[in-house]
PDB file of N, CA and C in Angstrom:
ATOM      1  N   MET A   1      13.902 -34.352  56.442  1.00  0.00           N
ATOM      2  CA  MET A   1      13.245 -34.755  57.648  1.00  0.00           C
ATOM      3  C   MET A   1      12.937 -33.490  58.438  1.00  0.00           C
ATOM      4  N   VAL A   2      11.728 -33.445  58.961  1.00  0.00           N
ATOM      5  CA  VAL A   2      11.292 -32.274  59.717  1.00  0.00           C
ATOM      6  C   VAL A   2      10.287 -32.720  60.769  1.00  0.00           C
ATOM      7  N   ARG A   3      10.276 -32.014  61.878  1.00  0.00           N
ATOM      8  CA  ARG A   3       9.285 -32.331  62.905  1.00  0.00           C
ATOM      9  C   ARG A   3       7.892 -32.025  62.371  1.00  0.00           C
ATOM     10  N   LYS A   4       6.946 -32.873  62.717  1.00  0.00           N
ATOM     11  CA  LYS A   4       5.575 -32.727  62.237  1.00  0.00           C
ATOM     12  C   LYS A   4       4.985 -31.382  62.644  1.00  0.00           C
ATOM     13  N   ASP A   5       5.189 -30.967  63.891  1.00  0.00           N
ATOM     14  CA  ASP A   5       4.600 -29.706  64.340  1.00  0.00           C
ATOM     15  C   ASP A   5       5.187 -28.524  63.575  1.00  0.00           C
ATOM     16  N   PHE A   6       6.480 -28.559  63.293  1.00  0.00           N
ATOM     17  CA  PHE A   6       7.092 -27.468  62.530  1.00  0.00           C
ATOM     18  C   PHE A   6       6.543 -27.441  61.109  1.00  0.00           C
ATOM     19  N   ALA A   7       6.441 -28.605  60.483  1.00  0.00           N
ATOM     20  CA  ALA A   7       5.920 -28.680  59.115  1.00  0.00           C
ATOM     21  C   ALA A   7       4.481 -28.188  59.039  1.00  0.00           C
ATOM     22  N   GLU A   8       3.690 -28.505  60.042  1.00  0.00           N
ATOM     23  CA  GLU A   8       2.298 -28.050  60.054  1.00  0.00           C
ATOM     24  C   GLU A   8       2.205 -26.543  60.255  1.00  0.00           C
ATOM     25  N   GLN A   9       3.077 -25.985  61.072  1.00  0.00           N
ATOM     26  CA  GLN A   9       3.048 -24.550  61.363  1.00  0.00           C
ATOM     27  C   GLN A   9       3.721 -23.712  60.276  1.00  0.00           C
ATOM     28  N   HIS A  10       4.686 -24.299  59.571  1.00  0.00           N
ATOM     29  CA  HIS A  10       5.472 -23.537  58.596  1.00  0.00           C
ATOM     30  C   HIS A  10       5.659 -24.308  57.281  1.00  0.00           C
ATOM     31  N   PRO A  11       4.580 -24.727  56.638  1.00  0.00           N
ATOM     32  CA  PRO A  11       4.740 -25.519  55.414  1.00  0.00           C
ATOM     33  C   PRO A  11       5.485 -24.774  54.308  1.00  0.00           C
ATOM     34  N   GLU A  12       5.331 -23.449  54.259  1.00  0.00           N
ATOM     35  CA  GLU A  12       6.006 -22.676  53.214  1.00  0.00           C
ATOM     36  C   GLU A  12       7.526 -22.699  53.398  1.00  0.00           C
ATOM     37  N   ILE A  13       7.983 -22.731  54.638  1.00  0.00           N
ATOM     38  CA  ILE A  13       9.424 -22.795  54.900  1.00  0.00           C
ATOM     39  C   ILE A  13       9.970 -24.168  54.513  1.00  0.00           C
ATOM     40  N   VAL A  14       9.250 -25.214  54.875  1.00  0.00           N
ATOM     41  CA  VAL A  14       9.694 -26.572  54.546  1.00  0.00           C
ATOM     42  C   VAL A  14       9.736 -26.750  53.031  1.00  0.00           C
ATOM     43  N   LYS A  15       8.711 -26.273  52.342  1.00  0.00           N
ATOM     44  CA  LYS A  15       8.667 -26.389  50.881  1.00  0.00           C
ATOM     45  C   LYS A  15       9.801 -25.578  50.247  1.00  0.00           C
ATOM     46  N   ALA A  16      10.057 -24.373  50.744  1.00  0.00           N
ATOM     47  CA  ALA A  16      11.141 -23.545  50.203  1.00  0.00           C
ATOM     48  C   ALA A  16      12.501 -24.199  50.434  1.00  0.00           C
ATOM     49  N   PHE A  17      12.696 -24.801  51.612  1.00  0.00           N
ATOM     50  CA  PHE A  17      13.959 -25.488  51.897  1.00  0.00           C
ATOM     51  C   PHE A  17      14.145 -26.670  50.945  1.00  0.00           C
ATOM     52  N   ALA A  18      13.093 -27.478  50.778  1.00  0.00           N
ATOM     53  CA  ALA A  18      13.177 -28.629  49.876  1.00  0.00           C
ATOM     54  C   ALA A  18      13.470 -28.170  48.450  1.00  0.00           C
ATOM     55  N   LYS A  19      12.797 -27.125  48.014  1.00  0.00           N
ATOM     56  CA  LYS A  19      13.008 -26.607  46.661  1.00  0.00           C
ATOM     57  C   LYS A  19      14.437 -26.110  46.482  1.00  0.00           C
ATOM     58  N   SER A  20      14.959 -25.396  47.464  1.00  0.00           N
ATOM     59  CA  SER A  20      16.327 -24.881  47.323  1.00  0.00           C
ATOM     60  C   SER A  20      17.338 -26.024  47.251  1.00  0.00           C
ATOM     61  N   ALA A  21      17.128 -27.071  48.033  1.00  0.00           N
ATOM     62  CA  ALA A  21      18.036 -28.224  47.992  1.00  0.00           C
ATOM     63  C   ALA A  21      17.944 -28.941  46.647  1.00  0.00           C
ATOM     64  N   ILE A  22      16.732 -29.144  46.166  1.00  0.00           N
ATOM     65  CA  ILE A  22      16.537 -29.814  44.874  1.00  0.00           C
ATOM     66  C   ILE A  22      17.121 -28.967  43.749  1.00  0.00           C
ATOM     67  N   ASP A  23      16.852 -27.665  43.772  1.00  0.00           N
ATOM     68  CA  ASP A  23      17.382 -26.773  42.734  1.00  0.00           C
ATOM     69  C   ASP A  23      18.906 -26.764  42.731  1.00  0.00           C
ATOM     70  N   ALA A  24      19.512 -26.785  43.901  1.00  0.00           N
ATOM     71  CA  ALA A  24      20.975 -26.758  43.997  1.00  0.00           C
ATOM     72  C   ALA A  24      21.604 -28.027  43.418  1.00  0.00           C
ATOM     73  N   GLN A  25      20.878 -29.124  43.431  1.00  0.00           N
ATOM     74  CA  GLN A  25      21.407 -30.392  42.926  1.00  0.00           C
ATOM     75  C   GLN A  25      21.240 -30.556  41.415  1.00  0.00           C
ATOM     76  N   GLN A  26      20.379 -29.757  40.810  1.00  0.00           N
ATOM     77  CA  GLN A  26      20.075 -29.947  39.392  1.00  0.00           C
ATOM     78  C   GLN A  26      21.283 -29.816  38.464  1.00  0.00           C
ATOM     79  N   PRO A  27      22.174 -28.840  38.671  1.00  0.00           N
ATOM     80  CA  PRO A  27      23.343 -28.785  37.781  1.00  0.00           C
ATOM     81  C   PRO A  27      24.198 -30.057  37.849  1.00  0.00           C
ATOM     82  N   TYR A  28      24.321 -30.640  39.030  1.00  0.00           N
ATOM     83  CA  TYR A  28      25.084 -31.888  39.152  1.00  0.00           C
ATOM     84  C   TYR A  28      24.352 -33.021  38.441  1.00  0.00           C
ATOM     85  N   ILE A  29      23.046 -33.120  38.663  1.00  0.00           N
ATOM     86  CA  ILE A  29      22.260 -34.182  38.027  1.00  0.00           C
ATOM     87  C   ILE A  29      22.353 -34.074  36.505  1.00  0.00           C
ATOM     88  N   ALA A  30      22.301 -32.848  35.989  1.00  0.00           N
ATOM     89  CA  ALA A  30      22.329 -32.627  34.541  1.00  0.00           C
ATOM     90  C   ALA A  30      23.671 -32.998  33.916  1.00  0.00           C
ATOM     91  N   ASN A  31      24.770 -32.750  34.633  1.00  0.00           N
ATOM     92  CA  ASN A  31      26.088 -33.023  34.068  1.00  0.00           C
ATOM     93  C   ASN A  31      27.106 -33.199  35.196  1.00  0.00           C
ATOM     94  N   PRO A  32      27.147 -34.382  35.791  1.00  0.00           N
ATOM     95  CA  PRO A  32      28.022 -34.605  36.949  1.00  0.00           C
ATOM     96  C   PRO A  32      29.496 -34.284  36.697  1.00  0.00           C
ATOM     97  N   GLU A  33      30.031 -34.714  35.571  1.00  0.00           N
ATOM     98  CA  GLU A  33      31.463 -34.509  35.315  1.00  0.00           C
ATOM     99  C   GLU A  33      31.798 -33.025  35.183  1.00  0.00           C
ATOM    100  N   ALA A  34      30.955 -32.281  34.488  1.00  0.00           N
ATOM    101  CA  ALA A  34      31.197 -30.838  34.345  1.00  0.00           C
ATOM    102  C   ALA A  34      31.102 -30.148  35.705  1.00  0.00           C
ATOM    103  N   TRP A  35      30.140 -30.557  36.510  1.00  0.00           N
ATOM    104  CA  TRP A  35      29.966 -29.950  37.837  1.00  0.00           C
ATOM    105  C   TRP A  35      31.204 -30.206  38.695  1.00  0.00           C
ATOM    106  N   LEU A  36      31.717 -31.423  38.644  1.00  0.00           N
ATOM    107  CA  LEU A  36      32.883 -31.781  39.456  1.00  0.00           C
ATOM    108  C   LEU A  36      34.166 -31.098  38.983  1.00  0.00           C
ATOM    109  N   LYS A  37      34.215 -30.655  37.738  1.00  0.00           N
ATOM    110  CA  LYS A  37      35.403 -29.973  37.213  1.00  0.00           C
ATOM    111  C   LYS A  37      35.463 -28.507  37.625  1.00  0.00           C
ATOM    112  N   GLN A  38      34.418 -27.999  38.241  1.00  0.00           N
ATOM    113  CA  GLN A  38      34.397 -26.598  38.668  1.00  0.00           C
ATOM    114  C   GLN A  38      34.954 -26.510  40.095  1.00  0.00           C
ATOM    115  N   PRO A  39      36.150 -25.965  40.245  1.00  0.00           N
ATOM    116  CA  PRO A  39      36.800 -25.908  41.564  1.00  0.00           C
ATOM    117  C   PRO A  39      35.955 -25.225  42.636  1.00  0.00           C
ATOM    118  N   ASP A  40      35.165 -24.238  42.240  1.00  0.00           N
ATOM    119  CA  ASP A  40      34.336 -23.532  43.215  1.00  0.00           C
ATOM    120  C   ASP A  40      33.325 -24.479  43.873  1.00  0.00           C
ATOM    121  N   ASN A  41      32.776 -25.411  43.092  1.00  0.00           N
ATOM    122  CA  ASN A  41      31.823 -26.380  43.650  1.00  0.00           C
ATOM    123  C   ASN A  41      32.494 -27.253  44.704  1.00  0.00           C
ATOM    124  N   ILE A  42      33.693 -27.707  44.385  1.00  0.00           N
ATOM    125  CA  ILE A  42      34.427 -28.581  45.302  1.00  0.00           C
ATOM    126  C   ILE A  42      34.790 -27.836  46.581  1.00  0.00           C
ATOM    127  N   SER A  43      35.289 -26.614  46.429  1.00  0.00           N
ATOM    128  CA  SER A  43      35.709 -25.860  47.620  1.00  0.00           C
ATOM    129  C   SER A  43      34.519 -25.517  48.515  1.00  0.00           C
ATOM    130  N   LYS A  44      33.376 -25.201  47.914  1.00  0.00           N
ATOM    131  CA  LYS A  44      32.182 -24.906  48.727  1.00  0.00           C
ATOM    132  C   LYS A  44      31.757 -26.124  49.544  1.00  0.00           C
ATOM    133  N   LEU A  45      31.706 -27.284  48.889  1.00  0.00           N
ATOM    134  CA  LEU A  45      31.306 -28.495  49.616  1.00  0.00           C
ATOM    135  C   LEU A  45      32.313 -28.858  50.693  1.00  0.00           C
ATOM    136  N   ALA A  46      33.581 -28.690  50.401  1.00  0.00           N
ATOM    137  CA  ALA A  46      34.613 -28.979  51.404  1.00  0.00           C
ATOM    138  C   ALA A  46      34.439 -28.067  52.609  1.00  0.00           C
ATOM    139  N   ARG A  47      34.213 -26.793  52.348  1.00  0.00           N
ATOM    140  CA  ARG A  47      34.050 -25.828  53.440  1.00  0.00           C
ATOM    141  C   ARG A  47      32.795 -26.133  54.265  1.00  0.00           C
ATOM    142  N   LEU A  48      31.694 -26.438  53.590  1.00  0.00           N
ATOM    143  CA  LEU A  48      30.440 -26.708  54.300  1.00  0.00           C
ATOM    144  C   LEU A  48      30.469 -28.014  55.087  1.00  0.00           C
ATOM    145  N   SER A  49      31.159 -29.017  54.551  1.00  0.00           N
ATOM    146  CA  SER A  49      31.133 -30.346  55.162  1.00  0.00           C
ATOM    147  C   SER A  49      32.316 -30.634  56.078  1.00  0.00           C
ATOM    148  N   GLY A  50      33.399 -29.891  55.901  1.00  0.00           N
ATOM    149  CA  GLY A  50      34.603 -30.179  56.671  1.00  0.00           C
ATOM    150  C   GLY A  50      35.431 -31.303  56.078  1.00  0.00           C
ATOM    151  N   VAL A  51      35.056 -31.768  54.901  1.00  0.00           N
ATOM    152  CA  VAL A  51      35.768 -32.843  54.216  1.00  0.00           C
ATOM    153  C   VAL A  51      36.900 -32.227  53.386  1.00  0.00           C
ATOM    154  N   PRO A  52      38.077 -32.840  53.354  1.00  0.00           N
ATOM    155  CA  PRO A  52      39.153 -32.317  52.507  1.00  0.00           C
ATOM    156  C   PRO A  52      38.719 -32.254  51.036  1.00  0.00           C
ATOM    157  N   GLU A  53      39.138 -31.211  50.333  1.00  0.00           N
ATOM    158  CA  GLU A  53      38.739 -31.031  48.933  1.00  0.00           C
ATOM    159  C   GLU A  53      39.040 -32.259  48.083  1.00  0.00           C
ATOM    160  N   ALA A  54      40.146 -32.921  48.336  1.00  0.00           N
ATOM    161  CA  ALA A  54      40.524 -34.094  47.540  1.00  0.00           C
ATOM    162  C   ALA A  54      39.512 -35.229  47.671  1.00  0.00           C
ATOM    163  N   ASP A  55      38.789 -35.268  48.780  1.00  0.00           N
ATOM    164  CA  ASP A  55      37.824 -36.347  49.013  1.00  0.00           C
ATOM    165  C   ASP A  55      36.426 -36.034  48.491  1.00  0.00           C
ATOM    166  N   VAL A  56      36.155 -34.779  48.210  1.00  0.00           N
ATOM    167  CA  VAL A  56      34.800 -34.373  47.830  1.00  0.00           C
ATOM    168  C   VAL A  56      34.296 -35.080  46.571  1.00  0.00           C
ATOM    169  N   PRO A  57      35.048 -35.124  45.453  1.00  0.00           N
ATOM    170  CA  PRO A  57      34.503 -35.773  44.256  1.00  0.00           C
ATOM    171  C   PRO A  57      34.062 -37.220  44.488  1.00  0.00           C
ATOM    172  N   GLY A  58      34.863 -37.987  45.181  1.00  0.00           N
ATOM    173  CA  GLY A  58      34.496 -39.379  45.449  1.00  0.00           C
ATOM    174  C   GLY A  58      33.251 -39.498  46.299  1.00  0.00           C
ATOM    175  N   LEU A  59      33.133 -38.628  47.275  1.00  0.00           N
ATOM    176  CA  LEU A  59      31.950 -38.659  48.138  1.00  0.00           C
ATOM    177  C   LEU A  59      30.702 -38.226  47.380  1.00  0.00           C
ATOM    178  N   VAL A  60      30.837 -37.207  46.538  1.00  0.00           N
ATOM    179  CA  VAL A  60      29.694 -36.748  45.742  1.00  0.00           C
ATOM    180  C   VAL A  60      29.250 -37.853  44.790  1.00  0.00           C
ATOM    181  N   LYS A  61      30.206 -38.496  44.129  1.00  0.00           N
ATOM    182  CA  LYS A  61      29.874 -39.580  43.196  1.00  0.00           C
ATOM    183  C   LYS A  61      29.236 -40.766  43.914  1.00  0.00           C
ATOM    184  N   GLY A  62      29.526 -40.928  45.181  1.00  0.00           N
ATOM    185  CA  GLY A  62      28.976 -42.046  45.945  1.00  0.00           C
ATOM    186  C   GLY A  62      27.547 -41.845  46.403  1.00  0.00           C
ATOM    187  N   ASN A  63      27.029 -40.647  46.219  1.00  0.00           N
ATOM    188  CA  ASN A  63      25.642 -40.355  46.599  1.00  0.00           C
ATOM    189  C   ASN A  63      24.722 -40.464  45.398  1.00  0.00           C
ATOM    190  N   THR A  64      23.447 -40.590  45.669  1.00  0.00           N
ATOM    191  CA  THR A  64      22.426 -40.563  44.634  1.00  0.00           C
ATOM    192  C   THR A  64      21.607 -39.303  44.830  1.00  0.00           C
ATOM    193  N   TYR A  65      21.464 -38.532  43.768  1.00  0.00           N
ATOM    194  CA  TYR A  65      20.707 -37.283  43.829  1.00  0.00           C
ATOM    195  C   TYR A  65      19.452 -37.442  42.983  1.00  0.00           C
ATOM    196  N   LEU A  66      18.316 -37.172  43.586  1.00  0.00           N
ATOM    197  CA  LEU A  66      17.035 -37.372  42.920  1.00  0.00           C
ATOM    198  C   LEU A  66      16.393 -36.052  42.534  1.00  0.00           C
ATOM    199  N   THR A  67      15.716 -36.060  41.393  1.00  0.00           N
ATOM    200  CA  THR A  67      14.910 -34.909  41.013  1.00  0.00           C
ATOM    201  C   THR A  67      13.690 -34.861  41.928  1.00  0.00           C
ATOM    202  N   ALA A  68      12.932 -33.785  41.846  1.00  0.00           N
ATOM    203  CA  ALA A  68      11.719 -33.672  42.664  1.00  0.00           C
ATOM    204  C   ALA A  68      10.755 -34.813  42.355  1.00  0.00           C
ATOM    205  N   ALA A  69      10.587 -35.134  41.080  1.00  0.00           N
ATOM    206  CA  ALA A  69       9.674 -36.217  40.696  1.00  0.00           C
ATOM    207  C   ALA A  69      10.153 -37.559  41.242  1.00  0.00           C
ATOM    208  N   GLU A  70      11.457 -37.802  41.172  1.00  0.00           N
ATOM    209  CA  GLU A  70      12.008 -39.053  41.698  1.00  0.00           C
ATOM    210  C   GLU A  70      11.862 -39.120  43.215  1.00  0.00           C
ATOM    211  N   GLN A  71      12.038 -37.985  43.892  1.00  0.00           N
ATOM    212  CA  GLN A  71      11.852 -37.965  45.340  1.00  0.00           C
ATOM    213  C   GLN A  71      10.402 -38.264  45.702  1.00  0.00           C
ATOM    214  N   ALA A  72       9.471 -37.665  44.979  1.00  0.00           N
ATOM    215  CA  ALA A  72       8.055 -37.915  45.254  1.00  0.00           C
ATOM    216  C   ALA A  72       7.736 -39.393  45.075  1.00  0.00           C
ATOM    217  N   GLN A  73       8.259 -39.988  44.011  1.00  0.00           N
ATOM    218  CA  GLN A  73       8.025 -41.411  43.769  1.00  0.00           C
ATOM    219  C   GLN A  73       8.617 -42.260  44.895  1.00  0.00           C
ATOM    220  N   ALA A  74       9.821 -41.946  45.314  1.00  0.00           N
ATOM    221  CA  ALA A  74      10.465 -42.711  46.389  1.00  0.00           C
ATOM    222  C   ALA A  74       9.702 -42.574  47.700  1.00  0.00           C
ATOM    223  N   LEU A  75       9.238 -41.380  47.980  1.00  0.00           N
ATOM    224  CA  LEU A  75       8.510 -41.153  49.233  1.00  0.00           C
ATOM    225  C   LEU A  75       7.181 -41.899  49.260  1.00  0.00           C
ATOM    226  N   ASN A  76       6.649 -42.230  48.102  1.00  0.00           N
ATOM    227  CA  ASN A  76       5.371 -42.935  48.038  1.00  0.00           C
ATOM    228  C   ASN A  76       5.509 -44.450  48.016  1.00  0.00           C
ATOM    229  N   GLY A  77       6.661 -44.985  48.285  1.00  0.00           N
ATOM    230  CA  GLY A  77       6.809 -46.438  48.284  1.00  0.00           C
ATOM    231  C   GLY A  77       8.084 -46.921  48.931  1.00  0.00           C
ATOM    232  N   PRO A  78       9.221 -46.758  48.249  1.00  0.00           N
ATOM    233  CA  PRO A  78      10.478 -47.296  48.778  1.00  0.00           C
ATOM    234  C   PRO A  78      10.872 -46.762  50.155  1.00  0.00           C
ATOM    235  N   VAL A  79      10.583 -45.509  50.442  1.00  0.00           N
ATOM    236  CA  VAL A  79      10.950 -44.960  51.752  1.00  0.00           C
ATOM    237  C   VAL A  79      10.168 -45.667  52.852  1.00  0.00           C
ATOM    238  N   ASN A  80       8.878 -45.870  52.629  1.00  0.00           N
ATOM    239  CA  ASN A  80       8.075 -46.591  53.621  1.00  0.00           C
ATOM    240  C   ASN A  80       8.650 -47.990  53.849  1.00  0.00           C
ATOM    241  N   GLN A  81       9.006 -48.674  52.768  1.00  0.00           N
ATOM    242  CA  GLN A  81       9.541 -50.029  52.903  1.00  0.00           C
ATOM    243  C   GLN A  81      10.872 -50.017  53.641  1.00  0.00           C
ATOM    244  N   ALA A  82      11.696 -49.023  53.399  1.00  0.00           N
ATOM    245  CA  ALA A  82      12.978 -48.917  54.110  1.00  0.00           C
ATOM    246  C   ALA A  82      12.754 -48.727  55.605  1.00  0.00           C
ATOM    247  N   ILE A  83      11.756 -47.932  55.959  1.00  0.00           N
ATOM    248  CA  ILE A  83      11.448 -47.730  57.382  1.00  0.00           C
ATOM    249  C   ILE A  83      10.918 -49.019  57.993  1.00  0.00           C
ATOM    250  N   VAL A  84      10.046 -49.723  57.271  1.00  0.00           N
ATOM    251  CA  VAL A  84       9.524 -51.010  57.749  1.00  0.00           C
ATOM    252  C   VAL A  84      10.678 -51.985  57.980  1.00  0.00           C
ATOM    253  N   ASP A  85      11.580 -52.087  57.003  1.00  0.00           N
ATOM    254  CA  ASP A  85      12.718 -53.004  57.123  1.00  0.00           C
ATOM    255  C   ASP A  85      13.624 -52.624  58.293  1.00  0.00           C
ATOM    256  N   THR A  86      13.860 -51.336  58.467  1.00  0.00           N
ATOM    257  CA  THR A  86      14.697 -50.868  59.574  1.00  0.00           C
ATOM    258  C   THR A  86      14.045 -51.171  60.915  1.00  0.00           C
ATOM    259  N   ALA A  87      12.751 -50.911  61.013  1.00  0.00           N
ATOM    260  CA  ALA A  87      12.029 -51.184  62.260  1.00  0.00           C
ATOM    261  C   ALA A  87      12.064 -52.676  62.590  1.00  0.00           C
ATOM    262  N   ARG A  88      11.872 -53.500  61.578  1.00  0.00           N
ATOM    263  CA  ARG A  88      11.913 -54.957  61.782  1.00  0.00           C
ATOM    264  C   ARG A  88      13.299 -55.383  62.278  1.00  0.00           C
ATOM    265  N   PHE A  89      14.346 -54.847  61.655  1.00  0.00           N
ATOM    266  CA  PHE A  89      15.712 -55.157  62.066  1.00  0.00           C
ATOM    267  C   PHE A  89      15.955 -54.724  63.511  1.00  0.00           C
ATOM    268  N   LEU A  90      15.538 -53.508  63.854  1.00  0.00           N
ATOM    269  CA  LEU A  90      15.737 -53.013  65.217  1.00  0.00           C
ATOM    270  C   LEU A  90      14.983 -53.863  66.236  1.00  0.00           C
ATOM    271  N   LYS A  91      13.804 -54.345  65.865  1.00  0.00           N
ATOM    272  CA  LYS A  91      13.047 -55.227  66.761  1.00  0.00           C
ATOM    273  C   LYS A  91      13.797 -56.547  66.945  1.00  0.00           C
ATOM    274  N   GLU A  92      14.293 -57.105  65.846  1.00  0.00           N
ATOM    275  CA  GLU A  92      15.054 -58.357  65.928  1.00  0.00           C
ATOM    276  C   GLU A  92      16.298 -58.204  66.803  1.00  0.00           C
ATOM    277  N   GLN A  93      16.890 -57.037  66.801  1.00  0.00           N
ATOM    278  CA  GLN A  93      18.086 -56.767  67.597  1.00  0.00           C
ATOM    279  C   GLN A  93      17.760 -56.397  69.039  1.00  0.00           C
ATOM    280  N   GLY A  94      16.472 -56.316  69.352  1.00  0.00           N
ATOM    281  CA  GLY A  94      16.056 -55.967  70.701  1.00  0.00           C
ATOM    282  C   GLY A  94      16.196 -54.484  71.027  1.00  0.00           C
ATOM    283  N   LYS A  95      16.313 -53.652  70.012  1.00  0.00           N
ATOM    284  CA  LYS A  95      16.495 -52.213  70.220  1.00  0.00           C
ATOM    285  C   LYS A  95      15.172 -51.467  70.362  1.00  0.00           C
ATOM    286  N   VAL A  96      14.100 -52.032  69.816  1.00  0.00           N
ATOM    287  CA  VAL A  96      12.762 -51.447  69.961  1.00  0.00           C
ATOM    288  C   VAL A  96      11.794 -52.567  70.326  1.00  0.00           C
ATOM    289  N   PRO A  97      10.725 -52.253  71.064  1.00  0.00           N
ATOM    290  CA  PRO A  97       9.808 -53.301  71.502  1.00  0.00           C
ATOM    291  C   PRO A  97       8.874 -53.815  70.414  1.00  0.00           C
ATOM    292  N   ALA A  98       8.617 -53.011  69.386  1.00  0.00           N
ATOM    293  CA  ALA A  98       7.673 -53.423  68.349  1.00  0.00           C
ATOM    294  C   ALA A  98       8.055 -52.767  67.027  1.00  0.00           C
ATOM    295  N   ALA A  99       7.585 -53.371  65.943  1.00  0.00           N
ATOM    296  CA  ALA A  99       7.826 -52.820  64.606  1.00  0.00           C
ATOM    297  C   ALA A  99       6.524 -52.824  63.835  1.00  0.00           C
ATOM    298  N   GLY A 100       6.220 -51.705  63.212  1.00  0.00           N
ATOM    299  CA  GLY A 100       5.008 -51.605  62.412  1.00  0.00           C
ATOM    300  C   GLY A 100       5.206 -52.199  61.030  1.00  0.00           C
ATOM    301  N   THR A 101       4.113 -52.285  60.302  1.00  0.00           N
ATOM    302  CA  THR A 101       4.165 -52.798  58.937  1.00  0.00           C
ATOM    303  C   THR A 101       3.876 -51.713  57.912  1.00  0.00           C
ATOM    304  N   ASP A 102       3.572 -50.509  58.375  1.00  0.00           N
ATOM    305  CA  ASP A 102       3.264 -49.406  57.466  1.00  0.00           C
ATOM    306  C   ASP A 102       3.529 -48.082  58.177  1.00  0.00           C
ATOM    307  N   TYR A 103       4.413 -47.276  57.600  1.00  0.00           N
ATOM    308  CA  TYR A 103       4.776 -45.988  58.197  1.00  0.00           C
ATOM    309  C   TYR A 103       4.419 -44.816  57.279  1.00  0.00           C
ATOM    310  N   ARG A 104       3.530 -45.064  56.311  1.00  0.00           N
ATOM    311  CA  ARG A 104       3.183 -44.005  55.358  1.00  0.00           C
ATOM    312  C   ARG A 104       2.584 -42.769  56.013  1.00  0.00           C
ATOM    313  N   GLN A 105       1.971 -42.922  57.171  1.00  0.00           N
ATOM    314  CA  GLN A 105       1.399 -41.746  57.841  1.00  0.00           C
ATOM    315  C   GLN A 105       2.480 -40.768  58.298  1.00  0.00           C
ATOM    316  N   TYR A 106       3.731 -41.223  58.341  1.00  0.00           N
ATOM    317  CA  TYR A 106       4.840 -40.373  58.777  1.00  0.00           C
ATOM    318  C   TYR A 106       5.674 -39.832  57.613  1.00  0.00           C
ATOM    319  N   VAL A 107       5.313 -40.206  56.397  1.00  0.00           N
ATOM    320  CA  VAL A 107       6.082 -39.825  55.218  1.00  0.00           C
ATOM    321  C   VAL A 107       5.161 -39.083  54.249  1.00  0.00           C
ATOM    322  N   THR A 108       5.632 -37.962  53.719  1.00  0.00           N
ATOM    323  CA  THR A 108       4.825 -37.211  52.760  1.00  0.00           C
ATOM    324  C   THR A 108       5.695 -36.677  51.630  1.00  0.00           C
ATOM    325  N   ASP A 109       5.091 -36.565  50.467  1.00  0.00           N
ATOM    326  CA  ASP A 109       5.791 -35.974  49.327  1.00  0.00           C
ATOM    327  C   ASP A 109       5.322 -34.547  49.054  1.00  0.00           C
ATOM    328  N   ARG A 110       4.457 -34.025  49.895  1.00  0.00           N
ATOM    329  CA  ARG A 110       3.831 -32.727  49.592  1.00  0.00           C
ATOM    330  C   ARG A 110       4.825 -31.577  49.538  1.00  0.00           C
ATOM    331  N   PHE A 111       5.964 -31.704  50.154  1.00  0.00           N
ATOM    332  CA  PHE A 111       6.926 -30.596  50.150  1.00  0.00           C
ATOM    333  C   PHE A 111       7.870 -30.625  48.951  1.00  0.00           C
ATOM    334  N   VAL A 112       7.889 -31.720  48.202  1.00  0.00           N
ATOM    335  CA  VAL A 112       8.749 -31.795  47.021  1.00  0.00           C
ATOM    336  C   VAL A 112       7.965 -31.690  45.720  1.00  0.00           C
ATOM    337  N   LYS A 113       6.664 -31.588  45.818  1.00  0.00           N
ATOM    338  CA  LYS A 113       5.839 -31.465  44.607  1.00  0.00           C
ATOM    339  C   LYS A 113       5.781 -30.034  44.144  1.00  0.00           C
TER     340      LYS A 113
END
């Protein structure tokens, strides 16, 4: 997630950030069990997140990590629907005055391609 004005002014930074995050996840995606057996991986995540090392493997396993292609696919459909569903829920709860039916103008896959 990035502010529109920042993304427009610095697309190369946004793309580089997305690429570094995707690249960092690839070893885990390729072999989750081997990645989790490396103590250095666990200690780094614990240090960065503030989560105790013993809890890191369970939390990592509880997440879904997508390749760049999978992220692009999700951004072109399911993400929009999730935003629509969330907006509808918030409207039903009286938290927002209105809910749209399409938020694709706010979602782009150009930084993960």
